[in-house]
Each structure stands twice: as C-alpha cells, then as structure tokens.
Amino acid sequence: MPKLNELSGEIKAIHTRIDGVEKEIGGLRREMMTKFEAVDSRFNGVDARSRFEAVDSMFDTLETRLQTMEKMVEFAQYARCRMQD
C-alpha cells in the first residue's frame, strides 16, 4: 500500500501543478486580450483621424474652388460693366 500512497501523492502534486498552469494561462489570456483591445482602440483612433483628415482635405479643396469661382464672378461683373460703358 505504500506505493499506492506515493502514487496518490504524486497525482495530487501533478494536479496542483496543472491548476497552477491553468491559472497562469488564464492570466496570460486576460493580459493578451487587454493588449489586443488597446491596439484595437488605437486603430479605431487612427481610422477616425484619417477620416477627419479626408474631410479636412475636402473642405480645403472646396475653399479653393470657391475662391476661384468668386474671382470668376468678379471678372464677369467687371466685363459686364466694361461692355455697358
């Protein structure tokens, strides 16, 4: 029977080690998920920033086009006044 008790003790020790490894794996899994979530939020921030830059660029283009159109209107008004004189 002593060998049976020794085996029982060894099995308990193995279970204890397995429990420790499972806890460590669980902790590592939580840590990795936290890191993945942080990276995901950074990518979402970059995506929002690039959208803002695209909209800002569109406004710059519209502003340039508006200035050009204003100059064309001024020229047309000037030309109309010259033609009436």
PDB file of N, CA and C in Angstrom:
ATOM      1  N   MET A   1       0.778  -1.205   0.000  1.00  0.00           N
ATOM      2  CA  MET A   1       0.000   0.000   0.000  1.00  0.00           C
ATOM      3  C   MET A   1       0.829   1.283   0.000  1.00  0.00           C
ATOM      4  N   PRO A   2       2.053   1.238   0.488  1.00  0.00           N
ATOM      5  CA  PRO A   2       2.828   2.477   0.478  1.00  0.00           C
ATOM      6  C   PRO A   2       3.030   3.022  -0.933  1.00  0.00           C
ATOM      7  N   LYS A   3       3.211   2.115  -1.898  1.00  0.00           N
ATOM      8  CA  LYS A   3       3.404   2.605  -3.263  1.00  0.00           C
ATOM      9  C   LYS A   3       2.138   3.291  -3.773  1.00  0.00           C
ATOM     10  N   LEU A   4       0.979   2.803  -3.370  1.00  0.00           N
ATOM     11  CA  LEU A   4      -0.283   3.405  -3.770  1.00  0.00           C
ATOM     12  C   LEU A   4      -0.405   4.809  -3.180  1.00  0.00           C
ATOM     13  N   ASN A   5       0.022   4.964  -1.932  1.00  0.00           N
ATOM     14  CA  ASN A   5       0.005   6.288  -1.300  1.00  0.00           C
ATOM     15  C   ASN A   5       0.984   7.235  -1.992  1.00  0.00           C
ATOM     16  N   GLU A   6       2.134   6.713  -2.381  1.00  0.00           N
ATOM     17  CA  GLU A   6       3.110   7.525  -3.104  1.00  0.00           C
ATOM     18  C   GLU A   6       2.524   7.993  -4.434  1.00  0.00           C
ATOM     19  N   LEU A   7       1.893   7.071  -5.134  1.00  0.00           N
ATOM     20  CA  LEU A   7       1.268   7.439  -6.416  1.00  0.00           C
ATOM     21  C   LEU A   7       0.160   8.460  -6.222  1.00  0.00           C
ATOM     22  N   SER A   8      -0.611   8.274  -5.178  1.00  0.00           N
ATOM     23  CA  SER A   8      -1.686   9.225  -4.883  1.00  0.00           C
ATOM     24  C   SER A   8      -1.104  10.607  -4.606  1.00  0.00           C
ATOM     25  N   GLY A   9      -0.019  10.657  -3.865  1.00  0.00           N
ATOM     26  CA  GLY A   9       0.651  11.935  -3.587  1.00  0.00           C
ATOM     27  C   GLY A   9       1.193  12.577  -4.861  1.00  0.00           C
ATOM     28  N   GLU A  10       1.794  11.752  -5.720  1.00  0.00           N
ATOM     29  CA  GLU A  10       2.321  12.254  -6.994  1.00  0.00           C
ATOM     30  C   GLU A  10       1.198  12.812  -7.864  1.00  0.00           C
ATOM     31  N   ILE A  11       0.076  12.093  -7.893  1.00  0.00           N
ATOM     32  CA  ILE A  11      -1.065  12.550  -8.701  1.00  0.00           C
ATOM     33  C   ILE A  11      -1.595  13.882  -8.169  1.00  0.00           C
ATOM     34  N   LYS A  12      -1.668  14.030  -6.846  1.00  0.00           N
ATOM     35  CA  LYS A  12      -2.107  15.295  -6.255  1.00  0.00           C
ATOM     36  C   LYS A  12      -1.139  16.422  -6.617  1.00  0.00           C
ATOM     37  N   ALA A  13       0.157  16.135  -6.575  1.00  0.00           N
ATOM     38  CA  ALA A  13       1.162  17.136  -6.938  1.00  0.00           C
ATOM     39  C   ALA A  13       1.010  17.546  -8.401  1.00  0.00           C
ATOM     40  N   ILE A  14       0.765  16.565  -9.260  1.00  0.00           N
ATOM     41  CA  ILE A  14       0.572  16.858 -10.686  1.00  0.00           C
ATOM     42  C   ILE A  14      -0.676  17.728 -10.879  1.00  0.00           C
ATOM     43  N   HIS A  15      -1.756  17.404 -10.186  1.00  0.00           N
ATOM     44  CA  HIS A  15      -2.983  18.204 -10.279  1.00  0.00           C
ATOM     45  C   HIS A  15      -2.738  19.636  -9.798  1.00  0.00           C
ATOM     46  N   THR A  16      -1.960  19.765  -8.730  1.00  0.00           N
ATOM     47  CA  THR A  16      -1.641  21.098  -8.210  1.00  0.00           C
ATOM     48  C   THR A  16      -0.866  21.901  -9.251  1.00  0.00           C
ATOM     49  N   ARG A  17       0.104  21.246  -9.891  1.00  0.00           N
ATOM     50  CA  ARG A  17       0.866  21.933 -10.944  1.00  0.00           C
ATOM     51  C   ARG A  17      -0.024  22.289 -12.125  1.00  0.00           C
ATOM     52  N   ILE A  18      -0.906  21.375 -12.498  1.00  0.00           N
ATOM     53  CA  ILE A  18      -1.828  21.649 -13.612  1.00  0.00           C
ATOM     54  C   ILE A  18      -2.720  22.846 -13.272  1.00  0.00           C
ATOM     55  N   ASP A  19      -3.227  22.896 -12.042  1.00  0.00           N
ATOM     56  CA  ASP A  19      -4.054  24.028 -11.620  1.00  0.00           C
ATOM     57  C   ASP A  19      -3.268  25.340 -11.706  1.00  0.00           C
ATOM     58  N   GLY A  20      -2.015  25.296 -11.285  1.00  0.00           N
ATOM     59  CA  GLY A  20      -1.173  26.492 -11.365  1.00  0.00           C
ATOM     60  C   GLY A  20      -0.966  26.940 -12.800  1.00  0.00           C
ATOM     61  N   VAL A  21      -0.711  25.989 -13.678  1.00  0.00           N
ATOM     62  CA  VAL A  21      -0.506  26.311 -15.095  1.00  0.00           C
ATOM     63  C   VAL A  21      -1.792  26.881 -15.702  1.00  0.00           C
ATOM     64  N   GLU A  22      -2.941  26.283 -15.340  1.00  0.00           N
ATOM     65  CA  GLU A  22      -4.217  26.789 -15.851  1.00  0.00           C
ATOM     66  C   GLU A  22      -4.464  28.221 -15.396  1.00  0.00           C
ATOM     67  N   LYS A  23      -4.155  28.509 -14.133  1.00  0.00           N
ATOM     68  CA  LYS A  23      -4.323  29.876 -13.632  1.00  0.00           C
ATOM     69  C   LYS A  23      -3.402  30.837 -14.371  1.00  0.00           C
ATOM     70  N   GLU A  24      -2.169  30.419 -14.609  1.00  0.00           N
ATOM     71  CA  GLU A  24      -1.224  31.273 -15.325  1.00  0.00           C
ATOM     72  C   GLU A  24      -1.678  31.503 -16.756  1.00  0.00           C
ATOM     73  N   ILE A  25      -2.181  30.462 -17.403  1.00  0.00           N
ATOM     74  CA  ILE A  25      -2.688  30.601 -18.772  1.00  0.00           C
ATOM     75  C   ILE A  25      -3.867  31.562 -18.784  1.00  0.00           C
ATOM     76  N   GLY A  26      -4.758  31.440 -17.796  1.00  0.00           N
ATOM     77  CA  GLY A  26      -5.903  32.358 -17.708  1.00  0.00           C
ATOM     78  C   GLY A  26      -5.445  33.802 -17.553  1.00  0.00           C
ATOM     79  N   GLY A  27      -4.430  34.014 -16.704  1.00  0.00           N
ATOM     80  CA  GLY A  27      -3.893  35.366 -16.523  1.00  0.00           C
ATOM     81  C   GLY A  27      -3.267  35.908 -17.799  1.00  0.00           C
ATOM     82  N   LEU A  28      -2.511  35.053 -18.479  1.00  0.00           N
ATOM     83  CA  LEU A  28      -1.895  35.474 -19.742  1.00  0.00           C
ATOM     84  C   LEU A  28      -2.954  35.778 -20.799  1.00  0.00           C
ATOM     85  N   ARG A  29      -4.006  34.966 -20.820  1.00  0.00           N
ATOM     86  CA  ARG A  29      -5.099  35.190 -21.777  1.00  0.00           C
ATOM     87  C   ARG A  29      -5.750  36.553 -21.523  1.00  0.00           C
ATOM     88  N   ARG A  30      -6.015  36.870 -20.252  1.00  0.00           N
ATOM     89  CA  ARG A  30      -6.614  38.173 -19.916  1.00  0.00           C
ATOM     90  C   ARG A  30      -5.674  39.315 -20.300  1.00  0.00           C
ATOM     91  N   GLU A  31      -4.395  39.138 -20.030  1.00  0.00           N
ATOM     92  CA  GLU A  31      -3.405  40.163 -20.368  1.00  0.00           C
ATOM     93  C   GLU A  31      -3.348  40.395 -21.883  1.00  0.00           C
ATOM     94  N   MET A  32      -3.357  39.310 -22.649  1.00  0.00           N
ATOM     95  CA  MET A  32      -3.321  39.441 -24.113  1.00  0.00           C
ATOM     96  C   MET A  32      -4.589  40.115 -24.636  1.00  0.00           C
ATOM     97  N   MET A  33      -5.740  39.766 -24.076  1.00  0.00           N
ATOM     98  CA  MET A  33      -6.985  40.396 -24.501  1.00  0.00           C
ATOM     99  C   MET A  33      -6.956  41.891 -24.200  1.00  0.00           C
ATOM    100  N   THR A  34      -6.422  42.259 -23.053  1.00  0.00           N
ATOM    101  CA  THR A  34      -6.302  43.678 -22.708  1.00  0.00           C
ATOM    102  C   THR A  34      -5.421  44.395 -23.720  1.00  0.00           C
ATOM    103  N   LYS A  35      -4.313  43.759 -24.093  1.00  0.00           N
ATOM    104  CA  LYS A  35      -3.413  44.367 -25.069  1.00  0.00           C
ATOM    105  C   LYS A  35      -4.062  44.448 -26.443  1.00  0.00           C
ATOM    106  N   PHE A  36      -4.773  43.392 -26.848  1.00  0.00           N
ATOM    107  CA  PHE A  36      -5.468  43.423 -28.138  1.00  0.00           C
ATOM    108  C   PHE A  36      -6.519  44.531 -28.163  1.00  0.00           C
ATOM    109  N   GLU A  37      -7.253  44.685 -27.070  1.00  0.00           N
ATOM    110  CA  GLU A  37      -8.263  45.739 -27.003  1.00  0.00           C
ATOM    111  C   GLU A  37      -7.619  47.123 -27.084  1.00  0.00           C
ATOM    112  N   ALA A  38      -6.474  47.291 -26.446  1.00  0.00           N
ATOM    113  CA  ALA A  38      -5.771  48.579 -26.515  1.00  0.00           C
ATOM    114  C   ALA A  38      -5.322  48.874 -27.937  1.00  0.00           C
ATOM    115  N   VAL A  39      -4.781  47.877 -28.614  1.00  0.00           N
ATOM    116  CA  VAL A  39      -4.340  48.060 -30.002  1.00  0.00           C
ATOM    117  C   VAL A  39      -5.541  48.349 -30.894  1.00  0.00           C
ATOM    118  N   ASP A  40      -6.650  47.652 -30.669  1.00  0.00           N
ATOM    119  CA  ASP A  40      -7.857  47.871 -31.450  1.00  0.00           C
ATOM    120  C   ASP A  40      -8.358  49.296 -31.290  1.00  0.00           C
ATOM    121  N   SER A  41      -8.342  49.798 -30.059  1.00  0.00           N
ATOM    122  CA  SER A  41      -8.799  51.178 -29.845  1.00  0.00           C
ATOM    123  C   SER A  41      -7.856  52.173 -30.509  1.00  0.00           C
ATOM    124  N   ARG A  42      -6.562  51.856 -30.554  1.00  0.00           N
ATOM    125  CA  ARG A  42      -5.622  52.741 -31.254  1.00  0.00           C
ATOM    126  C   ARG A  42      -5.913  52.761 -32.741  1.00  0.00           C
ATOM    127  N   PHE A  43      -6.193  51.582 -33.320  1.00  0.00           N
ATOM    128  CA  PHE A  43      -6.523  51.533 -34.745  1.00  0.00           C
ATOM    129  C   PHE A  43      -7.816  52.298 -35.028  1.00  0.00           C
ATOM    130  N   ASN A  44      -8.785  52.180 -34.137  1.00  0.00           N
ATOM    131  CA  ASN A  44     -10.025  52.930 -34.320  1.00  0.00           C
ATOM    132  C   ASN A  44      -9.750  54.425 -34.262  1.00  0.00           C
ATOM    133  N   GLY A  45      -8.857  54.842 -33.383  1.00  0.00           N
ATOM    134  CA  GLY A  45      -8.480  56.257 -33.311  1.00  0.00           C
ATOM    135  C   GLY A  45      -7.795  56.720 -34.578  1.00  0.00           C
ATOM    136  N   VAL A  46      -6.925  55.871 -35.128  1.00  0.00           N
ATOM    137  CA  VAL A  46      -6.236  56.215 -36.377  1.00  0.00           C
ATOM    138  C   VAL A  46      -7.244  56.321 -37.507  1.00  0.00           C
ATOM    139  N   ASP A  47      -8.214  55.405 -37.530  1.00  0.00           N
ATOM    140  CA  ASP A  47      -9.244  55.429 -38.563  1.00  0.00           C
ATOM    141  C   ASP A  47     -10.042  56.727 -38.485  1.00  0.00           C
ATOM    142  N   ALA A  48     -10.416  57.138 -37.278  1.00  0.00           N
ATOM    143  CA  ALA A  48     -11.168  58.380 -37.105  1.00  0.00           C
ATOM    144  C   ALA A  48     -10.318  59.572 -37.524  1.00  0.00           C
ATOM    145  N   ARG A  49      -9.032  59.529 -37.190  1.00  0.00           N
ATOM    146  CA  ARG A  49      -8.131  60.624 -37.551  1.00  0.00           C
ATOM    147  C   ARG A  49      -7.996  60.731 -39.069  1.00  0.00           C
ATOM    148  N   SER A  50      -7.868  59.590 -39.743  1.00  0.00           N
ATOM    149  CA  SER A  50      -7.721  59.630 -41.201  1.00  0.00           C
ATOM    150  C   SER A  50      -9.007  60.113 -41.850  1.00  0.00           C
ATOM    151  N   ARG A  51     -10.166  59.761 -41.279  1.00  0.00           N
ATOM    152  CA  ARG A  51     -11.433  60.290 -41.802  1.00  0.00           C
ATOM    153  C   ARG A  51     -11.483  61.794 -41.638  1.00  0.00           C
ATOM    154  N   PHE A  52     -11.061  62.285 -40.466  1.00  0.00           N
ATOM    155  CA  PHE A  52     -11.054  63.727 -40.236  1.00  0.00           C
ATOM    156  C   PHE A  52     -10.137  64.424 -41.233  1.00  0.00           C
ATOM    157  N   GLU A  53      -8.966  63.835 -41.477  1.00  0.00           N
ATOM    158  CA  GLU A  53      -8.040  64.429 -42.437  1.00  0.00           C
ATOM    159  C   GLU A  53      -8.639  64.442 -43.841  1.00  0.00           C
ATOM    160  N   ALA A  54      -9.390  63.416 -44.206  1.00  0.00           N
ATOM    161  CA  ALA A  54     -10.031  63.367 -45.520  1.00  0.00           C
ATOM    162  C   ALA A  54     -11.087  64.460 -45.640  1.00  0.00           C
ATOM    163  N   VAL A  55     -11.886  64.637 -44.594  1.00  0.00           N
ATOM    164  CA  VAL A  55     -12.910  65.692 -44.606  1.00  0.00           C
ATOM    165  C   VAL A  55     -12.242  67.057 -44.639  1.00  0.00           C
ATOM    166  N   ASP A  56     -11.190  67.230 -43.864  1.00  0.00           N
ATOM    167  CA  ASP A  56     -10.460  68.499 -43.850  1.00  0.00           C
ATOM    168  C   ASP A  56      -9.894  68.810 -45.231  1.00  0.00           C
ATOM    169  N   SER A  57      -9.373  67.802 -45.902  1.00  0.00           N
ATOM    170  CA  SER A  57      -8.843  67.974 -47.252  1.00  0.00           C
ATOM    171  C   SER A  57      -9.955  68.372 -48.220  1.00  0.00           C
ATOM    172  N   MET A  58     -11.127  67.766 -48.064  1.00  0.00           N
ATOM    173  CA  MET A  58     -12.261  68.118 -48.930  1.00  0.00           C
ATOM    174  C   MET A  58     -12.662  69.572 -48.721  1.00  0.00           C
ATOM    175  N   PHE A  59     -12.676  70.027 -47.470  1.00  0.00           N
ATOM    176  CA  PHE A  59     -13.003  71.425 -47.200  1.00  0.00           C
ATOM    177  C   PHE A  59     -11.969  72.363 -47.825  1.00  0.00           C
ATOM    178  N   ASP A  60     -10.691  71.993 -47.744  1.00  0.00           N
ATOM    179  CA  ASP A  60      -9.648  72.805 -48.378  1.00  0.00           C
ATOM    180  C   ASP A  60      -9.881  72.907 -49.882  1.00  0.00           C
ATOM    181  N   THR A  61     -10.235  71.781 -50.503  1.00  0.00           N
ATOM    182  CA  THR A  61     -10.497  71.778 -51.945  1.00  0.00           C
ATOM    183  C   THR A  61     -11.701  72.649 -52.272  1.00  0.00           C
ATOM    184  N   LEU A  62     -12.757  72.523 -51.476  1.00  0.00           N
ATOM    185  CA  LEU A  62     -13.948  73.349 -51.709  1.00  0.00           C
ATOM    186  C   LEU A  62     -13.645  74.830 -51.525  1.00  0.00           C
ATOM    187  N   GLU A  63     -12.835  75.142 -50.528  1.00  0.00           N
ATOM    188  CA  GLU A  63     -12.475  76.540 -50.290  1.00  0.00           C
ATOM    189  C   GLU A  63     -11.699  77.101 -51.479  1.00  0.00           C
ATOM    190  N   THR A  64     -10.784  76.323 -52.010  1.00  0.00           N
ATOM    191  CA  THR A  64     -10.017  76.754 -53.182  1.00  0.00           C
ATOM    192  C   THR A  64     -10.937  76.956 -54.377  1.00  0.00           C
ATOM    193  N   ARG A  65     -11.845  76.005 -54.589  1.00  0.00           N
ATOM    194  CA  ARG A  65     -12.785  76.130 -55.715  1.00  0.00           C
ATOM    195  C   ARG A  65     -13.688  77.342 -55.541  1.00  0.00           C
ATOM    196  N   LEU A  66     -14.114  77.611 -54.317  1.00  0.00           N
ATOM    197  CA  LEU A  66     -14.970  78.767 -54.048  1.00  0.00           C
ATOM    198  C   LEU A  66     -14.223  80.065 -54.341  1.00  0.00           C
ATOM    199  N   GLN A  67     -12.975  80.135 -53.944  1.00  0.00           N
ATOM    200  CA  GLN A  67     -12.181  81.340 -54.228  1.00  0.00           C
ATOM    201  C   GLN A  67     -12.046  81.545 -55.735  1.00  0.00           C
ATOM    202  N   THR A  68     -11.842  80.466 -56.469  1.00  0.00           N
ATOM    203  CA  THR A  68     -11.736  80.557 -57.928  1.00  0.00           C
ATOM    204  C   THR A  68     -13.046  81.045 -58.528  1.00  0.00           C
ATOM    205  N   MET A  69     -14.149  80.508 -58.038  1.00  0.00           N
ATOM    206  CA  MET A  69     -15.452  80.926 -58.552  1.00  0.00           C
ATOM    207  C   MET A  69     -15.730  82.390 -58.220  1.00  0.00           C
ATOM    208  N   GLU A  70     -15.335  82.834 -57.033  1.00  0.00           N
ATOM    209  CA  GLU A  70     -15.517  84.241 -56.670  1.00  0.00           C
ATOM    210  C   GLU A  70     -14.730  85.141 -57.621  1.00  0.00           C
ATOM    211  N   LYS A  71     -13.526  84.744 -57.975  1.00  0.00           N
ATOM    212  CA  LYS A  71     -12.731  85.525 -58.922  1.00  0.00           C
ATOM    213  C   LYS A  71     -13.402  85.554 -60.289  1.00  0.00           C
ATOM    214  N   MET A  72     -13.984  84.418 -60.694  1.00  0.00           N
ATOM    215  CA  MET A  72     -14.678  84.367 -61.983  1.00  0.00           C
ATOM    216  C   MET A  72     -15.890  85.294 -61.978  1.00  0.00           C
ATOM    217  N   VAL A  73     -16.618  85.345 -60.866  1.00  0.00           N
ATOM    218  CA  VAL A  73     -17.775  86.238 -60.759  1.00  0.00           C
ATOM    219  C   VAL A  73     -17.314  87.690 -60.826  1.00  0.00           C
ATOM    220  N   GLU A  74     -16.256  88.015 -60.113  1.00  0.00           N
ATOM    221  CA  GLU A  74     -15.719  89.384 -60.156  1.00  0.00           C
ATOM    222  C   GLU A  74     -15.328  89.755 -61.583  1.00  0.00           C
ATOM    223  N   PHE A  75     -14.665  88.834 -62.285  1.00  0.00           N
ATOM    224  CA  PHE A  75     -14.251  89.099 -63.653  1.00  0.00           C
ATOM    225  C   PHE A  75     -15.467  89.283 -64.558  1.00  0.00           C
ATOM    226  N   ALA A  76     -16.488  88.439 -64.382  1.00  0.00           N
ATOM    227  CA  ALA A  76     -17.703  88.558 -65.199  1.00  0.00           C
ATOM    228  C   ALA A  76     -18.395  89.878 -64.924  1.00  0.00           C
ATOM    229  N   GLN A  77     -18.459  90.314 -63.672  1.00  0.00           N
ATOM    230  CA  GLN A  77     -19.074  91.595 -63.336  1.00  0.00           C
ATOM    231  C   GLN A  77     -18.279  92.747 -63.942  1.00  0.00           C
ATOM    232  N   TYR A  78     -16.957  92.639 -63.850  1.00  0.00           N
ATOM    233  CA  TYR A  78     -16.104  93.659 -64.435  1.00  0.00           C
ATOM    234  C   TYR A  78     -16.300  93.722 -65.955  1.00  0.00           C
ATOM    235  N   ALA A  79     -16.334  92.543 -66.579  1.00  0.00           N
ATOM    236  CA  ALA A  79     -16.517  92.502 -68.024  1.00  0.00           C
ATOM    237  C   ALA A  79     -17.881  93.048 -68.406  1.00  0.00           C
ATOM    238  N   ARG A  80     -18.917  92.769 -67.653  1.00  0.00           N
ATOM    239  CA  ARG A  80     -20.239  93.286 -67.951  1.00  0.00           C
ATOM    240  C   ARG A  80     -20.268  94.815 -67.849  1.00  0.00           C
ATOM    241  N   CYS A  81     -19.610  95.335 -66.804  1.00  0.00           N
ATOM    242  CA  CYS A  81     -19.560  96.794 -66.641  1.00  0.00           C
ATOM    243  C   CYS A  81     -18.811  97.441 -67.810  1.00  0.00           C
ATOM    244  N   ARG A  82     -17.724  96.827 -68.253  1.00  0.00           N
ATOM    245  CA  ARG A  82     -16.930  97.357 -69.371  1.00  0.00           C
ATOM    246  C   ARG A  82     -17.733  97.325 -70.656  1.00  0.00           C
ATOM    247  N   MET A  83     -18.560  96.284 -70.817  1.00  0.00           N
ATOM    248  CA  MET A  83     -19.350  96.166 -72.035  1.00  0.00           C
ATOM    249  C   MET A  83     -20.477  97.208 -72.057  1.00  0.00           C
ATOM    250  N   GLN A  84     -20.978  97.574 -70.883  1.00  0.00           N
ATOM    251  CA  GLN A  84     -22.052  98.548 -70.821  1.00  0.00           C
ATOM    252  C   GLN A  84     -21.550  99.962 -71.038  1.00  0.00           C
ATOM    253  N   ASP A  85     -20.277 100.176 -70.802  1.00  0.00           N
ATOM    254  CA  ASP A  85     -19.716 101.535 -70.987  1.00  0.00           C
ATOM    255  C   ASP A  85     -19.487 101.839 -72.405  1.00  0.00           C
TER     256      ASP A  85
END
